[in-house]
PDB file of N, CA and C in Angstrom:
ATOM      1  N   UNK A   1      25.608 -11.038  18.235  1.00  0.00           N
ATOM      2  CA  UNK A   1      24.693 -10.024  17.948  1.00  0.00           C
ATOM      3  C   UNK A   1      24.057 -10.272  16.509  1.00  0.00           C
ATOM      4  N   UNK A   2      22.811 -10.160  16.406  1.00  0.00           N
ATOM      5  CA  UNK A   2      22.050 -10.447  15.219  1.00  0.00           C
ATOM      6  C   UNK A   2      21.947  -9.160  14.444  1.00  0.00           C
ATOM      7  N   UNK A   3      22.284  -9.273  13.088  1.00  0.00           N
ATOM      8  CA  UNK A   3      22.195  -8.215  12.176  1.00  0.00           C
ATOM      9  C   UNK A   3      20.835  -8.266  11.487  1.00  0.00           C
ATOM     10  N   UNK A   4      19.899  -7.457  11.920  1.00  0.00           N
ATOM     11  CA  UNK A   4      18.515  -7.467  11.406  1.00  0.00           C
ATOM     12  C   UNK A   4      18.257  -6.315  10.466  1.00  0.00           C
ATOM     13  N   UNK A   5      19.255  -5.488  10.188  1.00  0.00           N
ATOM     14  CA  UNK A   5      19.056  -4.380   9.211  1.00  0.00           C
ATOM     15  C   UNK A   5      18.606  -4.728   7.873  1.00  0.00           C
ATOM     16  N   UNK A   6      19.075  -5.909   7.305  1.00  0.00           N
ATOM     17  CA  UNK A   6      18.654  -6.236   5.898  1.00  0.00           C
ATOM     18  C   UNK A   6      17.153  -6.409   5.841  1.00  0.00           C
ATOM     19  N   UNK A   7      16.455  -6.903   6.825  1.00  0.00           N
ATOM     20  CA  UNK A   7      15.074  -7.097   6.838  1.00  0.00           C
ATOM     21  C   UNK A   7      14.306  -5.728   6.755  1.00  0.00           C
ATOM     22  N   UNK A   8      14.795  -4.789   7.508  1.00  0.00           N
ATOM     23  CA  UNK A   8      14.202  -3.468   7.449  1.00  0.00           C
ATOM     24  C   UNK A   8      14.433  -2.758   6.144  1.00  0.00           C
ATOM     25  N   UNK A   9      15.701  -2.913   5.617  1.00  0.00           N
ATOM     26  CA  UNK A   9      15.949  -2.333   4.307  1.00  0.00           C
ATOM     27  C   UNK A   9      15.098  -2.962   3.233  1.00  0.00           C
ATOM     28  N   UNK A  10      14.901  -4.276   3.256  1.00  0.00           N
ATOM     29  CA  UNK A  10      14.091  -4.963   2.304  1.00  0.00           C
ATOM     30  C   UNK A  10      12.595  -4.470   2.408  1.00  0.00           C
ATOM     31  N   UNK A  11      12.124  -4.189   3.646  1.00  0.00           N
ATOM     32  CA  UNK A  11      10.822  -3.722   3.804  1.00  0.00           C
ATOM     33  C   UNK A  11      10.670  -2.292   3.188  1.00  0.00           C
ATOM     34  N   UNK A  12      11.693  -1.409   3.419  1.00  0.00           N
ATOM     35  CA  UNK A  12      11.652  -0.059   2.873  1.00  0.00           C
ATOM     36  C   UNK A  12      11.682  -0.131   1.370  1.00  0.00           C
ATOM     37  N   UNK A  13      12.502  -0.954   0.809  1.00  0.00           N
ATOM     38  CA  UNK A  13      12.644  -1.099  -0.688  1.00  0.00           C
ATOM     39  C   UNK A  13      11.320  -1.603  -1.279  1.00  0.00           C
ATOM     40  N   UNK A  14      10.760  -2.577  -0.637  1.00  0.00           N
ATOM     41  CA  UNK A  14       9.494  -3.113  -1.211  1.00  0.00           C
ATOM     42  C   UNK A  14       8.369  -2.047  -1.026  1.00  0.00           C
ATOM     43  N   UNK A  15       8.391  -1.265   0.004  1.00  0.00           N
ATOM     44  CA  UNK A  15       7.398  -0.208   0.190  1.00  0.00           C
ATOM     45  C   UNK A  15       7.552   0.883  -0.911  1.00  0.00           C
ATOM     46  N   UNK A  16       8.820   1.205  -1.134  1.00  0.00           N
ATOM     47  CA  UNK A  16       9.048   2.232  -2.228  1.00  0.00           C
ATOM     48  C   UNK A  16       8.593   1.739  -3.552  1.00  0.00           C
ATOM     49  N   UNK A  17       8.877   0.477  -3.869  1.00  0.00           N
ATOM     50  CA  UNK A  17       8.464  -0.107  -5.100  1.00  0.00           C
ATOM     51  C   UNK A  17       6.900  -0.167  -5.251  1.00  0.00           C
ATOM     52  N   UNK A  18       6.208  -0.514  -4.124  1.00  0.00           N
ATOM     53  CA  UNK A  18       4.766  -0.474  -4.163  1.00  0.00           C
ATOM     54  C   UNK A  18       4.277   0.967  -4.374  1.00  0.00           C
ATOM     55  N   UNK A  19       4.891   1.939  -3.747  1.00  0.00           N
ATOM     56  CA  UNK A  19       4.473   3.331  -3.922  1.00  0.00           C
ATOM     57  C   UNK A  19       4.671   3.787  -5.395  1.00  0.00           C
ATOM     58  N   UNK A  20       5.850   3.424  -5.952  1.00  0.00           N
ATOM     59  CA  UNK A  20       6.119   3.802  -7.282  1.00  0.00           C
ATOM     60  C   UNK A  20       5.098   3.100  -8.219  1.00  0.00           C
ATOM     61  N   UNK A  21       4.837   1.846  -7.990  1.00  0.00           N
ATOM     62  CA  UNK A  21       3.844   1.173  -8.791  1.00  0.00           C
ATOM     63  C   UNK A  21       2.489   1.847  -8.731  1.00  0.00           C
ATOM     64  N   UNK A  22       2.057   2.225  -7.587  1.00  0.00           N
ATOM     65  CA  UNK A  22       0.762   2.964  -7.471  1.00  0.00           C
ATOM     66  C   UNK A  22       0.724   4.257  -8.142  1.00  0.00           C
ATOM     67  N   UNK A  23       1.872   5.009  -8.039  1.00  0.00           N
ATOM     68  CA  UNK A  23       1.973   6.263  -8.714  1.00  0.00           C
ATOM     69  C   UNK A  23       1.909   6.078 -10.232  1.00  0.00           C
ATOM     70  N   UNK A  24       2.674   5.147 -10.745  1.00  0.00           N
ATOM     71  CA  UNK A  24       2.662   4.842 -12.207  1.00  0.00           C
ATOM     72  C   UNK A  24       1.282   4.433 -12.733  1.00  0.00           C
ATOM     73  N   UNK A  25       0.567   3.618 -11.877  1.00  0.00           N
ATOM     74  CA  UNK A  25      -0.723   3.214 -12.194  1.00  0.00           C
ATOM     75  C   UNK A  25      -1.682   4.421 -12.348  1.00  0.00           C
ATOM     76  N   UNK A  26      -1.552   5.350 -11.350  1.00  0.00           N
ATOM     77  CA  UNK A  26      -2.438   6.558 -11.308  1.00  0.00           C
ATOM     78  C   UNK A  26      -2.086   7.428 -12.568  1.00  0.00           C
ATOM     79  N   UNK A  27      -0.797   7.511 -12.845  1.00  0.00           N
ATOM     80  CA  UNK A  27      -0.440   8.435 -13.987  1.00  0.00           C
ATOM     81  C   UNK A  27      -0.858   7.807 -15.317  1.00  0.00           C
ATOM     82  N   UNK A  28      -0.817   6.476 -15.517  1.00  0.00           N
ATOM     83  CA  UNK A  28      -1.282   5.878 -16.749  1.00  0.00           C
ATOM     84  C   UNK A  28      -2.741   5.943 -16.924  1.00  0.00           C
ATOM     85  N   UNK A  29      -3.526   5.929 -15.782  1.00  0.00           N
ATOM     86  CA  UNK A  29      -4.954   5.987 -15.799  1.00  0.00           C
ATOM     87  C   UNK A  29      -5.460   7.418 -15.737  1.00  0.00           C
ATOM     88  N   UNK A  30      -4.528   8.408 -15.931  1.00  0.00           N
ATOM     89  CA  UNK A  30      -4.868   9.802 -15.982  1.00  0.00           C
ATOM     90  C   UNK A  30      -5.636  10.322 -14.729  1.00  0.00           C
ATOM     91  N   UNK A  31      -5.174   9.890 -13.552  1.00  0.00           N
ATOM     92  CA  UNK A  31      -5.764  10.358 -12.309  1.00  0.00           C
ATOM     93  C   UNK A  31      -5.415  11.788 -11.975  1.00  0.00           C
ATOM     94  N   UNK A  32      -4.341  12.252 -12.616  1.00  0.00           N
ATOM     95  CA  UNK A  32      -3.865  13.660 -12.354  1.00  0.00           C
ATOM     96  C   UNK A  32      -4.248  14.624 -13.469  1.00  0.00           C
ATOM     97  N   UNK A  33      -5.144  14.184 -14.385  1.00  0.00           N
ATOM     98  CA  UNK A  33      -5.359  15.064 -15.587  1.00  0.00           C
ATOM     99  C   UNK A  33      -6.249  16.257 -15.331  1.00  0.00           C
ATOM    100  N   UNK A  34      -7.161  16.172 -14.416  1.00  0.00           N
ATOM    101  CA  UNK A  34      -8.146  17.261 -14.261  1.00  0.00           C
ATOM    102  C   UNK A  34      -7.946  17.893 -12.843  1.00  0.00           C
ATOM    103  N   UNK A  35      -6.927  18.623 -12.641  1.00  0.00           N
ATOM    104  CA  UNK A  35      -6.592  19.116 -11.289  1.00  0.00           C
ATOM    105  C   UNK A  35      -7.590  20.260 -10.941  1.00  0.00           C
ATOM    106  N   UNK A  36      -8.163  20.958 -11.896  1.00  0.00           N
ATOM    107  CA  UNK A  36      -9.118  22.045 -11.561  1.00  0.00           C
ATOM    108  C   UNK A  36     -10.325  21.491 -10.877  1.00  0.00           C
ATOM    109  N   UNK A  37     -10.885  20.353 -11.458  1.00  0.00           N
ATOM    110  CA  UNK A  37     -12.054  19.743 -10.809  1.00  0.00           C
ATOM    111  C   UNK A  37     -11.724  19.163  -9.500  1.00  0.00           C
ATOM    112  N   UNK A  38     -10.589  18.448  -9.426  1.00  0.00           N
ATOM    113  CA  UNK A  38     -10.228  17.821  -8.163  1.00  0.00           C
ATOM    114  C   UNK A  38      -9.951  18.820  -7.033  1.00  0.00           C
ATOM    115  N   UNK A  39      -9.588  19.968  -7.367  1.00  0.00           N
ATOM    116  CA  UNK A  39      -9.262  21.020  -6.360  1.00  0.00           C
ATOM    117  C   UNK A  39     -10.554  21.415  -5.604  1.00  0.00           C
ATOM    118  N   UNK A  40     -11.704  21.426  -6.315  1.00  0.00           N
ATOM    119  CA  UNK A  40     -12.920  21.878  -5.711  1.00  0.00           C
ATOM    120  C   UNK A  40     -13.915  20.803  -5.277  1.00  0.00           C
ATOM    121  N   UNK A  41     -13.555  19.516  -5.492  1.00  0.00           N
ATOM    122  CA  UNK A  41     -14.497  18.420  -5.067  1.00  0.00           C
ATOM    123  C   UNK A  41     -14.927  18.492  -3.620  1.00  0.00           C
ATOM    124  N   UNK A  42     -14.041  18.758  -2.617  1.00  0.00           N
ATOM    125  CA  UNK A  42     -14.519  18.819  -1.343  1.00  0.00           C
ATOM    126  C   UNK A  42     -15.511  19.929  -1.019  1.00  0.00           C
ATOM    127  N   UNK A  43     -15.422  21.001  -1.827  1.00  0.00           N
ATOM    128  CA  UNK A  43     -16.329  22.175  -1.620  1.00  0.00           C
ATOM    129  C   UNK A  43     -17.718  21.971  -2.331  1.00  0.00           C
ATOM    130  N   UNK A  44     -17.722  21.135  -3.270  1.00  0.00           N
ATOM    131  CA  UNK A  44     -18.905  20.879  -4.083  1.00  0.00           C
ATOM    132  C   UNK A  44     -19.894  19.919  -3.418  1.00  0.00           C
ATOM    133  N   UNK A  45     -19.386  19.085  -2.573  1.00  0.00           N
ATOM    134  CA  UNK A  45     -20.172  18.038  -1.935  1.00  0.00           C
ATOM    135  C   UNK A  45     -20.423  16.865  -2.861  1.00  0.00           C
ATOM    136  N   UNK A  46     -19.621  16.702  -3.896  1.00  0.00           N
ATOM    137  CA  UNK A  46     -19.817  15.569  -4.846  1.00  0.00           C
ATOM    138  C   UNK A  46     -19.237  14.319  -4.183  1.00  0.00           C
ATOM    139  N   UNK A  47     -19.855  13.224  -4.556  1.00  0.00           N
ATOM    140  CA  UNK A  47     -19.271  11.941  -4.062  1.00  0.00           C
ATOM    141  C   UNK A  47     -18.295  11.498  -5.094  1.00  0.00           C
ATOM    142  N   UNK A  48     -17.363  10.637  -4.677  1.00  0.00           N
ATOM    143  CA  UNK A  48     -16.274  10.237  -5.543  1.00  0.00           C
ATOM    144  C   UNK A  48     -16.799   9.373  -6.693  1.00  0.00           C
ATOM    145  N   UNK A  49     -17.350   8.204  -6.463  1.00  0.00           N
ATOM    146  CA  UNK A  49     -17.913   7.337  -7.513  1.00  0.00           C
ATOM    147  C   UNK A  49     -19.067   6.547  -6.818  1.00  0.00           C
ATOM    148  N   UNK A  50     -19.770   5.872  -7.790  1.00  0.00           N
ATOM    149  CA  UNK A  50     -20.924   5.146  -7.321  1.00  0.00           C
ATOM    150  C   UNK A  50     -20.536   3.698  -7.301  1.00  0.00           C
ATOM    151  N   UNK A  51     -19.319   3.380  -7.077  1.00  0.00           N
ATOM    152  CA  UNK A  51     -18.917   1.956  -7.033  1.00  0.00           C
ATOM    153  C   UNK A  51     -19.033   1.409  -5.668  1.00  0.00           C
ATOM    154  N   UNK A  52     -19.577   2.101  -4.747  1.00  0.00           N
ATOM    155  CA  UNK A  52     -19.764   1.593  -3.386  1.00  0.00           C
ATOM    156  C   UNK A  52     -21.161   1.120  -3.062  1.00  0.00           C
ATOM    157  N   UNK A  53     -21.966   0.863  -4.135  1.00  0.00           N
ATOM    158  CA  UNK A  53     -23.295   0.343  -3.957  1.00  0.00           C
ATOM    159  C   UNK A  53     -23.318  -1.081  -3.527  1.00  0.00           C
ATOM    160  N   UNK A  54     -24.194  -1.451  -2.633  1.00  0.00           N
ATOM    161  CA  UNK A  54     -24.269  -2.861  -2.163  1.00  0.00           C
ATOM    162  C   UNK A  54     -24.658  -3.782  -3.328  1.00  0.00           C
ATOM    163  N   UNK A  55     -24.120  -4.950  -3.358  1.00  0.00           N
ATOM    164  CA  UNK A  55     -24.513  -5.962  -4.365  1.00  0.00           C
ATOM    165  C   UNK A  55     -23.714  -5.784  -5.604  1.00  0.00           C
ATOM    166  N   UNK A  56     -22.810  -4.791  -5.737  1.00  0.00           N
ATOM    167  CA  UNK A  56     -22.090  -4.677  -6.987  1.00  0.00           C
ATOM    168  C   UNK A  56     -20.742  -5.433  -6.906  1.00  0.00           C
ATOM    169  N   UNK A  57     -20.353  -5.976  -8.005  1.00  0.00           N
ATOM    170  CA  UNK A  57     -19.124  -6.771  -8.059  1.00  0.00           C
ATOM    171  C   UNK A  57     -17.920  -5.925  -7.696  1.00  0.00           C
ATOM    172  N   UNK A  58     -16.872  -6.563  -7.116  1.00  0.00           N
ATOM    173  CA  UNK A  58     -15.656  -5.899  -6.789  1.00  0.00           C
ATOM    174  C   UNK A  58     -14.792  -5.824  -7.997  1.00  0.00           C
ATOM    175  N   UNK A  59     -14.289  -4.598  -8.247  1.00  0.00           N
ATOM    176  CA  UNK A  59     -13.481  -4.384  -9.440  1.00  0.00           C
ATOM    177  C   UNK A  59     -12.106  -5.032  -9.278  1.00  0.00           C
ATOM    178  N   UNK A  60     -11.369  -5.202 -10.426  1.00  0.00           N
ATOM    179  CA  UNK A  60     -10.015  -5.711 -10.348  1.00  0.00           C
ATOM    180  C   UNK A  60      -8.994  -4.784  -9.655  1.00  0.00           C
ATOM    181  N   UNK A  61      -9.357  -3.473  -9.728  1.00  0.00           N
ATOM    182  CA  UNK A  61      -8.449  -2.575  -9.062  1.00  0.00           C
ATOM    183  C   UNK A  61      -8.515  -2.675  -7.556  1.00  0.00           C
ATOM    184  N   UNK A  62      -9.729  -2.939  -7.064  1.00  0.00           N
ATOM    185  CA  UNK A  62      -9.871  -3.136  -5.596  1.00  0.00           C
ATOM    186  C   UNK A  62      -9.164  -4.351  -5.186  1.00  0.00           C
ATOM    187  N   UNK A  63      -9.282  -5.416  -5.922  1.00  0.00           N
ATOM    188  CA  UNK A  63      -8.632  -6.664  -5.592  1.00  0.00           C
ATOM    189  C   UNK A  63      -7.105  -6.451  -5.631  1.00  0.00           C
ATOM    190  N   UNK A  64      -6.613  -5.741  -6.641  1.00  0.00           N
ATOM    191  CA  UNK A  64      -5.174  -5.484  -6.739  1.00  0.00           C
ATOM    192  C   UNK A  64      -4.635  -4.685  -5.541  1.00  0.00           C
ATOM    193  N   UNK A  65      -5.414  -3.627  -5.178  1.00  0.00           N
ATOM    194  CA  UNK A  65      -4.999  -2.838  -4.085  1.00  0.00           C
ATOM    195  C   UNK A  65      -5.007  -3.660  -2.706  1.00  0.00           C
ATOM    196  N   UNK A  66      -5.968  -4.516  -2.550  1.00  0.00           N
ATOM    197  CA  UNK A  66      -6.061  -5.354  -1.378  1.00  0.00           C
ATOM    198  C   UNK A  66      -4.888  -6.359  -1.357  1.00  0.00           C
ATOM    199  N   UNK A  67      -4.474  -6.810  -2.514  1.00  0.00           N
ATOM    200  CA  UNK A  67      -3.346  -7.746  -2.524  1.00  0.00           C
ATOM    201  C   UNK A  67      -2.013  -7.020  -2.206  1.00  0.00           C
ATOM    202  N   UNK A  68      -1.910  -5.739  -2.733  1.00  0.00           N
ATOM    203  CA  UNK A  68      -0.705  -4.989  -2.351  1.00  0.00           C
ATOM    204  C   UNK A  68      -0.674  -4.669  -0.872  1.00  0.00           C
ATOM    205  N   UNK A  69      -1.815  -4.380  -0.288  1.00  0.00           N
ATOM    206  CA  UNK A  69      -1.963  -4.141   1.102  1.00  0.00           C
ATOM    207  C   UNK A  69      -1.573  -5.381   1.892  1.00  0.00           C
ATOM    208  N   UNK A  70      -2.076  -6.467   1.487  1.00  0.00           N
ATOM    209  CA  UNK A  70      -1.835  -7.763   2.164  1.00  0.00           C
ATOM    210  C   UNK A  70      -0.380  -8.104   2.087  1.00  0.00           C
ATOM    211  N   UNK A  71       0.236  -7.954   0.958  1.00  0.00           N
ATOM    212  CA  UNK A  71       1.721  -8.203   0.855  1.00  0.00           C
ATOM    213  C   UNK A  71       2.532  -7.304   1.731  1.00  0.00           C
ATOM    214  N   UNK A  72       2.116  -5.986   1.876  1.00  0.00           N
ATOM    215  CA  UNK A  72       2.836  -5.111   2.702  1.00  0.00           C
ATOM    216  C   UNK A  72       2.717  -5.508   4.186  1.00  0.00           C
ATOM    217  N   UNK A  73       1.465  -5.855   4.585  1.00  0.00           N
ATOM    218  CA  UNK A  73       1.211  -6.266   5.936  1.00  0.00           C
ATOM    219  C   UNK A  73       2.045  -7.531   6.319  1.00  0.00           C
ATOM    220  N   UNK A  74       2.043  -8.481   5.297  1.00  0.00           N
ATOM    221  CA  UNK A  74       2.759  -9.730   5.514  1.00  0.00           C
ATOM    222  C   UNK A  74       4.262  -9.465   5.611  1.00  0.00           C
ATOM    223  N   UNK A  75       4.795  -8.544   4.835  1.00  0.00           N
ATOM    224  CA  UNK A  75       6.188  -8.212   4.878  1.00  0.00           C
ATOM    225  C   UNK A  75       6.574  -7.575   6.202  1.00  0.00           C
ATOM    226  N   UNK A  76       5.667  -6.696   6.705  1.00  0.00           N
ATOM    227  CA  UNK A  76       5.951  -6.037   7.959  1.00  0.00           C
ATOM    228  C   UNK A  76       5.896  -7.073   9.091  1.00  0.00           C
ATOM    229  N   UNK A  77       4.921  -7.975   9.137  1.00  0.00           N
ATOM    230  CA  UNK A  77       4.772  -8.893  10.209  1.00  0.00           C
ATOM    231  C   UNK A  77       6.061  -9.911  10.111  1.00  0.00           C
ATOM    232  N   UNK A  78       6.413 -10.226   8.914  1.00  0.00           N
ATOM    233  CA  UNK A  78       7.581 -11.195   8.818  1.00  0.00           C
ATOM    234  C   UNK A  78       8.828 -10.493   9.328  1.00  0.00           C
ATOM    235  N   UNK A  79       8.960  -9.246   9.041  1.00  0.00           N
ATOM    236  CA  UNK A  79      10.124  -8.502   9.571  1.00  0.00           C
ATOM    237  C   UNK A  79      10.090  -8.442  11.056  1.00  0.00           C
ATOM    238  N   UNK A  80       8.956  -8.078  11.616  1.00  0.00           N
ATOM    239  CA  UNK A  80       8.840  -7.975  13.085  1.00  0.00           C
ATOM    240  C   UNK A  80       9.050  -9.297  13.730  1.00  0.00           C
ATOM    241  N   UNK A  81       8.521 -10.339  13.218  1.00  0.00           N
ATOM    242  CA  UNK A  81       8.610 -11.673  13.871  1.00  0.00           C
ATOM    243  C   UNK A  81      10.108 -12.106  13.748  1.00  0.00           C
ATOM    244  N   UNK A  82      10.741 -11.925  12.651  1.00  0.00           N
ATOM    245  CA  UNK A  82      12.124 -12.273  12.392  1.00  0.00           C
ATOM    246  C   UNK A  82      13.020 -11.594  13.388  1.00  0.00           C
ATOM    247  N   UNK A  83      12.867 -10.302  13.562  1.00  0.00           N
ATOM    248  CA  UNK A  83      13.685  -9.500  14.429  1.00  0.00           C
ATOM    249  C   UNK A  83      13.378  -9.839  15.935  1.00  0.00           C
ATOM    250  N   UNK A  84      12.205 -10.091  16.187  1.00  0.00           N
ATOM    251  CA  UNK A  84      11.781 -10.447  17.612  1.00  0.00           C
ATOM    252  C   UNK A  84      12.375 -11.816  17.990  1.00  0.00           C
ATOM    253  N   UNK A  85      12.296 -12.817  17.169  1.00  0.00           N
ATOM    254  CA  UNK A  85      12.820 -14.164  17.491  1.00  0.00           C
ATOM    255  C   UNK A  85      14.367 -14.118  17.381  1.00  0.00           C
ATOM    256  N   UNK A  86      14.918 -13.342  16.498  1.00  0.00           N
ATOM    257  CA  UNK A  86      16.343 -13.311  16.462  1.00  0.00           C
ATOM    258  C   UNK A  86      16.944 -12.662  17.681  1.00  0.00           C
ATOM    259  N   UNK A  87      16.237 -11.695  18.239  1.00  0.00           N
ATOM    260  CA  UNK A  87      16.712 -11.017  19.507  1.00  0.00           C
ATOM    261  C   UNK A  87      16.605 -11.932  20.639  1.00  0.00           C
ATOM    262  N   UNK A  88      15.494 -12.752  20.682  1.00  0.00           N
ATOM    263  CA  UNK A  88      15.369 -13.664  21.779  1.00  0.00           C
ATOM    264  C   UNK A  88      16.408 -14.722  21.767  1.00  0.00           C
ATOM    265  N   UNK A  89      16.801 -15.206  20.636  1.00  0.00           N
ATOM    266  CA  UNK A  89      17.855 -16.236  20.553  1.00  0.00           C
ATOM    267  C   UNK A  89      19.200 -15.668  20.937  1.00  0.00           C
ATOM    268  N   UNK A  90      19.429 -14.380  20.769  1.00  0.00           N
ATOM    269  CA  UNK A  90      20.755 -13.788  20.954  1.00  0.00           C
ATOM    270  C   UNK A  90      20.977 -13.511  22.442  1.00  0.00           C
ATOM    271  N   UNK A  91      19.883 -13.448  23.262  1.00  0.00           N
ATOM    272  CA  UNK A  91      20.059 -13.133  24.706  1.00  0.00           C
ATOM    273  C   UNK A  91      20.587 -14.334  25.468  1.00  0.00           C
ATOM    274  N   UNK A  92      21.520 -14.102  26.403  1.00  0.00           N
ATOM    275  CA  UNK A  92      22.099 -15.208  27.206  1.00  0.00           C
ATOM    276  C   UNK A  92      21.119 -15.715  28.200  1.00  0.00           C
TER     277      UNK A  92
END
């Protein structure tokens, strides 16, 4: 029998670390400082930011978030592939 729990535990731990990193980034950049304005944004019809214009350079934050997403997807795929192939090798 193959013990594949460590791969899932590693995936959960890495996911929690990524979530904590994102929260700390948001806290340091004062994303939670103006809750009164944020509460009514959906009702005012305001757009978030103008950084979505075509032809504009991609910011470092977008690249960092894409990298975190890519690492998460790679970790999930690695875990699934490892578990799948380990189960196939264990079958008689």
